Amino acid sequence: MSLQAIRYSSDDGIKLSILNQLQIPYQSKYLDIDSISPLEPFTQFSGYEAIKGMYTRGAPAIMLVGCYSIVVELYRVLNDPKIATNFGYDTSDINNFRNRLLERIDHLIESRPTAVNLANGCNEIKKIILDSNYDSISDLFNQIREFSENLYKEDYQSNINIGEHGLQYIIDVLSSENFKGPFSVMTICNTGSLATSGHGTALGIIRHLNQYLSKSNSKYPFYFDHTYPCETRPYNQGSRLTAYELQYENIPFSLITDNMPSFLIDTLNRPESHINQKATESLASSAPVRFIIVGSDRIVKNGDLANKIGTFQLSLIAKAYPEIKFIGAAPTTTIDYTTETGSDIKIEERPKDELTMVLGAKIENGEFAINEEGDVALERIRMAPLNIDVWNPSFDVTPHSNIDCIVTEKSYLVKDEAGNFHL
């Protein structure tokens, strides 16, 4: 199995493929991307389809796939006049070419409107198209290619930095409290290698905790003991992807459903007063939950944070337990400096079937069943009555008042005495 979400190569032409995350954790299959958005019959699979269809997901990965899909399409257009004509480009007229490319990019941005990384990356490419000096279409292509390749490298390094800064914040908090012994963390959705160029944001912090603050290597009187990933309905990124990454990395964890956090936290953090003191007997760890660490698809100017649906309710639980710190982790490409508050964020609503149906692997004799093509056999089943009303927002907004710390690749940020972030 694989943790590499994006494969890009420029050694022999420009090639881009993505890990089909709808099939994780059952099998690793890659899909080739050859264009920005669908244009039948001239494209096989596009960046737009990959992002809209959730074949690739996670705000940083969406940005990278989107930008790389622009590079792939331009490479094909420049090397095949027939493809250029079919895609509506006029390579003999640079103004026509530029306008058609901008039109294609604007359509790409609409594939996931809430995730600001995609728009930020695409808008930087639009700036290159509109503002940069270039003598030819080939020169323009090379500038866009260089920008996209550097974006990938920068994202990976920013992930490492986020892990370091998040680790330092946790050390600083626990040291200031003279905390001793084991502690646990909780997370939601998937924010690891599968959602980024590698390592991850919120899950990158957890990787750093496991590497530098586990019981066997902690230099402090406290140590990281356990992780509780939420399943993250309705698309189950937590149970399918985060659980897979944690298992892959040998990080101790126990999967929980999205409606278990309050009961779990109360039994771990208040065992002496909880009504059912035997509730923790079957748990793999009795360490209290001290941090809830989440990623983000958009952070606006005042620090309000849009993330996978279910994040807001975790912040409310953290507010009820003063010892729990709520951490939002994201690169600065996730920050939307033009939007003042979370009330102005456009929340994407997903298809109704994503809530009423579930895709999973068929099991035979305790193993994944294999179909005639040699792939793991996947089955979609319905879990709700037909013809019912469904509300399926993909994200919610956590107000900055519920957030203790925002971790970026530059530093960790806490609020001032008035309760305000300064991003």
Protein backbone atom coordinates (compact mmCIF):
# COMPACT_ATOMS: atom_id res chain seq x y z
CA MET A 1 0.00 0.00 0.00
CA SER A 2 1.06 3.61 -0.48
CA LEU A 3 1.10 6.93 1.34
CA GLN A 4 2.12 8.90 -1.77
CA ALA A 5 -0.97 10.83 -2.85
CA ILE A 6 0.58 12.58 -5.87
CA ARG A 7 3.02 11.31 -8.48
CA TYR A 8 4.47 13.96 -10.77
CA SER A 9 7.33 13.46 -13.21
CA SER A 10 9.07 15.70 -15.72
CA ASP A 11 11.86 13.29 -16.69
CA ASP A 12 10.21 12.09 -19.92
CA GLY A 13 7.55 14.62 -20.68
CA ILE A 14 5.11 15.85 -18.03
CA LYS A 15 3.14 13.12 -16.27
CA LEU A 16 0.74 13.33 -13.35
CA SER A 17 -1.12 10.61 -11.49
CA ILE A 18 -2.97 10.55 -8.20
CA LEU A 19 -3.70 7.83 -5.69
CA ASN A 20 -7.40 6.92 -5.91
CA GLN A 21 -8.34 7.59 -2.30
CA LEU A 22 -11.85 6.18 -2.77
CA GLN A 23 -10.16 2.76 -2.81
CA ILE A 24 -7.98 3.28 0.26
CA PRO A 25 -7.44 1.30 2.51
CA TYR A 26 -8.36 -1.63 0.28
CA GLN A 27 -5.83 -1.15 -2.51
CA SER A 28 -3.43 1.38 -4.03
CA LYS A 29 -4.33 2.35 -7.60
CA TYR A 30 -3.20 5.48 -9.41
CA LEU A 31 -5.22 7.51 -11.92
CA ASP A 32 -3.51 9.44 -14.71
CA ILE A 33 -4.55 13.08 -15.07
CA ASP A 34 -4.19 14.66 -18.50
CA SER A 35 -6.10 17.95 -18.33
CA ILE A 36 -7.53 20.75 -16.20
CA SER A 37 -11.21 19.87 -16.62
CA PRO A 38 -13.33 17.47 -18.67
CA LEU A 39 -13.58 18.07 -22.38
CA GLU A 40 -14.88 14.88 -23.99
CA PRO A 41 -13.65 13.12 -26.02
CA PHE A 42 -10.29 14.84 -25.74
CA THR A 43 -9.50 14.04 -22.09
CA GLN A 44 -9.30 10.85 -20.10
CA PHE A 45 -9.35 12.12 -16.50
CA SER A 46 -8.98 15.69 -15.32
CA GLY A 47 -7.87 17.59 -12.24
CA TYR A 48 -11.42 18.93 -11.88
CA GLU A 49 -12.88 15.41 -11.79
CA ALA A 50 -10.21 14.19 -9.38
CA ILE A 51 -10.95 17.02 -6.94
CA LYS A 52 -14.74 17.21 -7.34
CA GLY A 53 -15.14 13.43 -7.13
CA MET A 54 -12.98 13.14 -3.97
CA TYR A 55 -10.47 10.88 -5.70
CA THR A 56 -7.96 13.29 -4.19
CA ARG A 57 -8.74 15.42 -1.13
CA GLY A 58 -7.14 17.46 1.60
CA ALA A 59 -6.67 21.18 1.04
CA PRO A 60 -2.91 21.15 0.28
CA ALA A 61 -3.17 18.11 -2.01
CA ILE A 62 -6.13 19.66 -3.84
CA MET A 63 -4.04 22.76 -4.51
CA LEU A 64 -1.10 20.73 -5.81
CA VAL A 65 -3.20 18.49 -8.05
CA GLY A 66 -5.01 21.53 -9.42
CA CYS A 67 -1.78 23.39 -10.26
CA TYR A 68 -0.11 20.31 -11.70
CA SER A 69 -3.17 19.62 -13.89
CA ILE A 70 -2.64 23.07 -15.44
CA VAL A 71 0.97 22.15 -16.19
CA VAL A 72 -0.07 18.81 -17.76
CA GLU A 73 -2.70 20.40 -20.00
CA LEU A 74 -0.35 23.13 -21.16
CA TYR A 75 2.35 20.57 -21.95
CA ARG A 76 -0.06 18.60 -24.13
CA VAL A 77 -1.39 21.73 -25.83
CA LEU A 78 2.11 22.99 -26.67
CA ASN A 79 3.20 19.63 -28.07
CA ASP A 80 0.13 18.71 -30.12
CA PRO A 81 -1.61 21.33 -32.31
CA LYS A 82 -4.68 19.10 -32.63
CA ILE A 83 -5.11 18.96 -28.85
CA ALA A 84 -4.67 22.73 -28.67
CA THR A 85 -7.47 23.23 -31.19
CA ASN A 86 -9.73 20.68 -29.50
CA PHE A 87 -9.23 22.39 -26.14
CA GLY A 88 -10.09 25.77 -27.64
CA TYR A 89 -6.60 27.30 -27.55
CA ASP A 90 -5.17 29.43 -30.36
CA THR A 91 -1.39 29.11 -30.01
CA SER A 92 -0.84 31.73 -32.70
CA ASP A 93 -2.57 34.43 -30.65
CA ILE A 94 -1.12 34.87 -27.16
CA ASN A 95 -4.07 36.97 -25.96
CA ASN A 96 -6.57 34.34 -27.07
CA PHE A 97 -4.43 31.66 -25.48
CA ARG A 98 -4.21 33.57 -22.22
CA ASN A 99 -7.97 34.19 -22.02
CA ARG A 100 -8.81 30.55 -22.71
CA LEU A 101 -6.37 29.41 -20.02
CA LEU A 102 -7.85 31.83 -17.47
CA GLU A 103 -11.32 30.51 -18.30
CA ARG A 104 -10.19 26.92 -17.74
CA ILE A 105 -8.54 27.82 -14.41
CA ASP A 106 -11.66 29.61 -13.16
CA HIS A 107 -13.68 26.47 -13.82
CA LEU A 108 -11.11 24.38 -11.95
CA ILE A 109 -11.41 26.58 -8.85
CA GLU A 110 -15.14 25.76 -8.64
CA SER A 111 -14.42 22.05 -8.10
CA ARG A 112 -14.07 22.62 -4.31
CA PRO A 113 -15.08 26.18 -3.38
CA THR A 114 -14.51 25.97 0.39
CA ALA A 115 -10.87 24.82 0.23
CA VAL A 116 -9.00 28.10 -0.20
CA ASN A 117 -5.62 26.47 -0.99
CA LEU A 118 -6.86 25.56 -4.47
CA ALA A 119 -7.99 29.11 -5.18
CA ASN A 120 -4.80 30.56 -3.71
CA GLY A 121 -2.57 28.36 -5.87
CA CYS A 122 -4.63 28.94 -9.02
CA ASN A 123 -4.78 32.68 -8.40
CA GLU A 124 -0.99 32.80 -8.16
CA ILE A 125 -0.85 31.14 -11.56
CA LYS A 126 -3.36 33.68 -12.87
CA LYS A 127 -1.02 36.43 -11.63
CA ILE A 128 1.79 34.86 -13.66
CA ILE A 129 -0.48 34.81 -16.71
CA LEU A 130 -1.60 38.42 -16.28
CA ASP A 131 1.40 40.16 -14.75
CA SER A 132 4.60 38.35 -15.66
CA ASN A 133 6.86 39.16 -18.58
CA TYR A 134 7.06 36.37 -21.12
CA ASP A 135 7.99 36.38 -24.79
CA SER A 136 6.14 33.25 -25.82
CA ILE A 137 3.61 30.67 -24.72
CA SER A 138 6.50 28.30 -24.04
CA ASP A 139 8.03 30.86 -21.71
CA LEU A 140 4.69 31.22 -19.91
CA PHE A 141 4.44 27.43 -19.58
CA ASN A 142 7.92 27.24 -18.05
CA GLN A 143 7.05 29.89 -15.46
CA ILE A 144 3.85 28.06 -14.46
CA ARG A 145 5.71 24.77 -14.33
CA GLU A 146 8.46 26.20 -12.14
CA PHE A 147 5.89 27.76 -9.79
CA SER A 148 3.95 24.48 -9.41
CA GLU A 149 7.04 22.36 -8.83
CA ASN A 150 8.31 24.79 -6.20
CA LEU A 151 4.86 24.81 -4.58
CA TYR A 152 5.13 21.05 -4.04
CA LYS A 153 8.58 21.36 -2.45
CA GLU A 154 7.44 24.25 -0.26
CA ASP A 155 4.35 22.37 0.92
CA TYR A 156 6.41 19.40 2.06
CA GLN A 157 8.81 21.60 4.03
CA SER A 158 5.92 23.54 5.53
CA ASN A 159 4.44 20.24 6.74
CA ILE A 160 7.66 19.43 8.56
CA ASN A 161 7.72 22.91 10.09
CA ILE A 162 4.10 22.60 11.21
CA GLY A 163 4.98 19.36 12.98
CA GLU A 164 7.88 21.06 14.76
CA HIS A 165 5.89 24.12 15.83
CA GLY A 166 2.93 22.03 16.97
CA LEU A 167 5.23 19.83 19.03
CA GLN A 168 6.77 22.92 20.64
CA TYR A 169 3.37 24.37 21.52
CA ILE A 170 2.35 21.14 23.25
CA ILE A 171 5.64 20.99 25.14
CA ASP A 172 5.25 24.63 26.21
CA VAL A 173 1.67 24.10 27.43
CA LEU A 174 2.40 20.96 29.42
CA SER A 175 5.63 22.39 30.86
CA SER A 176 3.85 25.54 32.04
CA GLU A 177 1.29 23.36 33.83
CA ASN A 178 3.91 21.04 35.40
CA PHE A 179 1.98 18.18 33.82
CA LYS A 180 3.34 14.69 34.45
CA GLY A 181 2.60 11.33 32.90
CA PRO A 182 0.87 10.23 29.69
CA PHE A 183 -1.56 12.22 27.57
CA SER A 184 -3.71 11.51 24.51
CA VAL A 185 -4.84 13.55 21.52
CA MET A 186 -7.91 13.52 19.29
CA THR A 187 -8.31 14.39 15.62
CA ILE A 188 -10.91 14.35 12.84
CA CYS A 189 -10.80 13.77 9.08
CA ASN A 190 -7.49 13.06 7.35
CA THR A 191 -4.64 15.56 7.47
CA GLY A 192 -1.62 13.38 6.77
CA SER A 193 0.49 12.34 3.80
CA LEU A 194 -2.62 11.48 1.81
CA ALA A 195 -3.93 15.05 2.17
CA THR A 196 -0.67 16.87 1.41
CA SER A 197 2.64 16.51 -0.39
CA GLY A 198 3.73 14.34 2.55
CA HIS A 199 3.93 14.17 6.38
CA GLY A 200 0.75 16.17 6.97
CA THR A 201 -0.56 19.10 9.02
CA ALA A 202 -2.54 18.03 12.09
CA LEU A 203 -1.42 14.45 11.57
CA GLY A 204 2.09 15.79 11.00
CA ILE A 205 2.01 17.16 14.55
CA ILE A 206 0.91 13.75 15.80
CA ARG A 207 3.78 12.16 13.86
CA HIS A 208 6.17 14.53 15.62
CA LEU A 209 4.63 13.65 18.99
CA ASN A 210 5.16 9.96 18.33
CA GLN A 211 8.72 10.52 17.11
CA TYR A 212 9.96 12.92 19.77
CA LEU A 213 7.60 12.71 22.75
CA SER A 214 6.64 9.05 23.12
CA LYS A 215 7.33 7.28 26.41
CA SER A 216 10.57 5.77 25.11
CA ASN A 217 12.13 9.02 23.91
CA SER A 218 10.55 11.89 25.85
CA LYS A 219 12.98 14.15 27.71
CA TYR A 220 10.15 15.54 29.80
CA PRO A 221 8.08 14.27 32.75
CA PHE A 222 5.17 13.82 30.30
CA TYR A 223 4.80 11.74 27.16
CA PHE A 224 2.46 11.13 24.23
CA ASP A 225 0.52 7.90 24.65
CA HIS A 226 -2.47 7.55 22.32
CA THR A 227 -4.49 9.02 19.43
CA TYR A 228 -8.26 8.97 18.93
CA PRO A 229 -9.22 9.59 15.29
CA CYS A 230 -12.92 10.18 14.62
CA GLU A 231 -14.43 8.17 11.76
CA THR A 232 -15.54 11.39 10.00
CA ARG A 233 -18.90 10.62 8.49
CA PRO A 234 -20.26 10.71 5.87
CA TYR A 235 -17.14 10.06 3.78
CA ASN A 236 -15.19 8.25 6.49
CA GLN A 237 -11.82 9.86 5.87
CA GLY A 238 -10.92 9.16 9.49
CA SER A 239 -11.72 5.46 9.47
CA ARG A 240 -10.46 4.81 5.92
CA LEU A 241 -7.48 7.13 5.67
CA THR A 242 -6.27 8.39 9.05
CA ALA A 243 -6.60 4.97 10.66
CA TYR A 244 -4.66 3.56 7.72
CA GLU A 245 -1.89 6.16 8.08
CA LEU A 246 -1.64 5.69 11.85
CA GLN A 247 -1.43 1.93 11.44
CA TYR A 248 1.14 2.33 8.66
CA GLU A 249 3.31 4.53 10.91
CA ASN A 250 2.83 2.35 14.04
CA ILE A 251 1.33 5.25 15.99
CA PRO A 252 -0.88 3.99 18.85
CA PHE A 253 -4.54 4.78 18.22
CA SER A 254 -8.14 3.71 18.74
CA LEU A 255 -10.79 4.58 16.17
CA ILE A 256 -14.00 6.14 17.52
CA THR A 257 -17.25 7.23 15.89
CA ASP A 258 -18.10 10.90 15.53
CA ASN A 259 -20.62 10.76 18.40
CA MET A 260 -18.25 9.24 20.98
CA PRO A 261 -15.83 12.12 21.81
CA SER A 262 -17.72 13.67 24.74
CA PHE A 263 -18.26 10.32 26.49
CA LEU A 264 -14.67 9.24 25.81
CA ILE A 265 -13.19 12.51 27.07
CA ASP A 266 -15.33 12.55 30.18
CA THR A 267 -14.39 9.00 31.13
CA LEU A 268 -10.68 9.68 30.56
CA ASN A 269 -10.45 13.18 31.99
CA ARG A 270 -12.96 12.80 34.86
CA PRO A 271 -12.80 9.11 35.81
CA GLU A 272 -13.37 9.77 39.51
CA SER A 273 -16.63 11.66 38.91
CA HIS A 274 -18.03 9.96 35.83
CA ILE A 275 -21.30 8.10 36.34
CA ASN A 276 -19.83 4.93 34.80
CA GLN A 277 -16.34 4.45 36.21
CA LYS A 278 -15.95 1.12 34.42
CA ALA A 279 -16.27 2.70 30.99
CA THR A 280 -12.50 2.88 30.44
CA GLU A 281 -11.76 -0.75 31.28
CA SER A 282 -11.77 -1.83 27.62
CA LEU A 283 -9.76 1.15 26.37
CA ALA A 284 -6.21 0.63 25.16
CA SER A 285 -5.11 3.74 27.05
CA SER A 286 -6.32 5.59 30.11
CA ALA A 287 -4.30 8.74 29.36
CA PRO A 288 -6.43 11.91 29.43
CA VAL A 289 -7.13 13.78 26.22
CA ARG A 290 -5.22 17.06 26.45
CA PHE A 291 -5.25 18.27 22.83
CA ILE A 292 -7.70 18.17 19.93
CA ILE A 293 -5.70 18.75 16.75
CA VAL A 294 -7.47 19.48 13.45
CA GLY A 295 -6.55 20.64 9.99
CA SER A 296 -8.28 23.32 7.99
CA ASP A 297 -9.55 24.03 4.49
CA ARG A 298 -9.80 27.77 5.10
CA ILE A 299 -8.76 30.11 7.93
CA VAL A 300 -10.08 33.65 7.58
CA LYS A 301 -8.64 36.93 8.79
CA ASN A 302 -9.97 36.79 12.38
CA GLY A 303 -8.96 33.13 12.89
CA ASP A 304 -12.32 31.45 12.25
CA LEU A 305 -11.60 28.04 10.78
CA ALA A 306 -13.52 26.00 8.19
CA ASN A 307 -12.82 22.30 8.34
CA LYS A 308 -14.52 18.95 7.87
CA ILE A 309 -18.03 18.79 9.30
CA GLY A 310 -17.79 17.74 12.95
CA THR A 311 -14.85 19.99 13.80
CA PHE A 312 -17.07 22.66 15.37
CA GLN A 313 -18.64 20.22 17.81
CA LEU A 314 -15.18 19.05 18.91
CA SER A 315 -14.31 22.65 19.72
CA LEU A 316 -17.45 22.92 21.87
CA ILE A 317 -16.41 19.82 23.80
CA ALA A 318 -12.94 21.29 24.31
CA LYS A 319 -14.51 24.47 25.70
CA ALA A 320 -16.25 22.36 28.36
CA TYR A 321 -12.89 20.96 29.52
CA PRO A 322 -10.43 23.80 30.29
CA GLU A 323 -7.47 21.44 30.31
CA ILE A 324 -8.02 20.56 26.63
CA LYS A 325 -6.38 22.83 24.07
CA PHE A 326 -7.94 23.06 20.60
CA ILE A 327 -5.32 23.36 17.83
CA GLY A 328 -5.84 24.24 14.18
CA ALA A 329 -2.94 23.26 11.93
CA ALA A 330 -2.50 24.52 8.37
CA PRO A 331 0.07 26.09 6.05
CA THR A 332 -0.24 29.81 5.35
CA THR A 333 -1.61 28.91 1.89
CA THR A 334 -4.79 27.99 3.79
CA ILE A 335 -5.23 31.50 5.21
CA ASP A 336 -7.74 33.70 3.41
CA TYR A 337 -6.67 37.25 4.20
CA THR A 338 -9.51 38.79 2.17
CA THR A 339 -12.40 37.29 4.18
CA GLU A 340 -13.03 38.91 7.55
CA THR A 341 -15.06 36.26 9.41
CA GLY A 342 -16.28 32.70 9.06
CA SER A 343 -19.81 33.87 8.32
CA ASP A 344 -18.60 34.84 4.83
CA ILE A 345 -17.20 31.39 3.97
CA LYS A 346 -19.07 29.54 1.24
CA ILE A 347 -19.84 26.06 2.61
CA GLU A 348 -19.88 23.33 -0.01
CA GLU A 349 -22.82 20.92 0.06
CA ARG A 350 -22.16 17.43 -1.20
CA PRO A 351 -24.50 15.00 -3.05
CA LYS A 352 -27.23 13.37 -0.97
CA ASP A 353 -26.08 9.83 -1.79
CA GLU A 354 -22.81 10.41 0.04
CA LEU A 355 -24.81 10.49 3.28
CA THR A 356 -27.31 7.73 2.52
CA MET A 357 -24.89 5.26 0.93
CA VAL A 358 -21.49 3.83 1.78
CA LEU A 359 -18.77 2.28 -0.37
CA GLY A 360 -16.78 -0.61 1.07
CA ALA A 361 -14.81 -3.72 0.22
CA LYS A 362 -16.54 -7.06 -0.13
CA ILE A 363 -15.25 -9.68 2.32
CA GLU A 364 -14.98 -13.41 1.58
CA ASN A 365 -13.55 -15.86 4.10
CA GLY A 366 -12.13 -13.03 6.17
CA GLU A 367 -10.22 -11.47 3.26
CA PHE A 368 -10.90 -8.77 0.68
CA ALA A 369 -12.74 -10.31 -2.28
CA ILE A 370 -11.11 -9.89 -5.71
CA ASN A 371 -13.12 -9.16 -8.85
CA GLU A 372 -12.52 -10.36 -12.42
CA GLU A 373 -10.15 -7.46 -13.13
CA GLY A 374 -7.94 -8.47 -10.21
CA ASP A 375 -8.99 -5.50 -8.08
CA VAL A 376 -10.55 -5.52 -4.63
CA ALA A 377 -14.30 -5.86 -5.15
CA LEU A 378 -16.07 -2.73 -3.93
CA GLU A 379 -19.77 -2.58 -3.13
CA ARG A 380 -22.04 0.40 -2.54
CA ILE A 381 -24.94 -0.12 -0.16
CA ARG A 382 -27.73 2.16 0.98
CA MET A 383 -28.26 2.79 4.69
CA ALA A 384 -31.36 5.00 4.59
CA PRO A 385 -34.88 4.92 3.10
CA LEU A 386 -35.33 5.95 -0.51
CA ASN A 387 -36.58 9.41 -1.44
CA ILE A 388 -35.83 11.17 1.86
CA ASP A 389 -34.62 14.71 2.41
CA VAL A 390 -30.89 15.03 3.14
CA TRP A 391 -28.71 17.94 4.26
CA ASN A 392 -25.04 17.22 3.61
CA PRO A 393 -22.66 20.15 4.21
CA SER A 394 -19.06 19.08 3.79
CA PHE A 395 -17.62 21.63 6.24
CA ASP A 396 -18.47 23.63 9.33
CA VAL A 397 -16.90 26.76 10.81
CA THR A 398 -15.20 26.85 14.21
CA PRO A 399 -15.15 30.39 15.65
CA HIS A 400 -11.76 31.71 16.73
CA SER A 401 -13.09 32.04 20.28
CA ASN A 402 -13.06 28.23 20.47
CA ILE A 403 -9.50 27.89 19.15
CA ASP A 404 -6.48 28.03 21.46
CA CYS A 405 -3.71 27.86 18.90
CA ILE A 406 -3.18 28.06 15.15
CA VAL A 407 -0.03 26.34 13.93
CA THR A 408 1.52 27.28 10.58
CA GLU A 409 4.89 26.59 9.00
CA LYS A 410 6.11 29.92 10.36
CA SER A 411 5.21 29.57 14.04
CA TYR A 412 2.46 28.73 16.45
CA LEU A 413 0.03 31.56 17.16
CA VAL A 414 -2.04 32.17 20.27
CA LYS A 415 -4.57 34.91 20.96
CA ASP A 416 -3.78 38.19 22.65
CA GLU A 417 -5.29 39.26 25.95
CA ALA A 418 -8.41 40.49 24.13
CA GLY A 419 -8.92 37.05 22.61
CA ASN A 420 -7.85 37.94 19.07
CA PHE A 421 -5.51 36.20 16.65
CA HIS A 422 -3.13 38.28 14.54
CA LEU A 423 -2.59 36.27 11.37
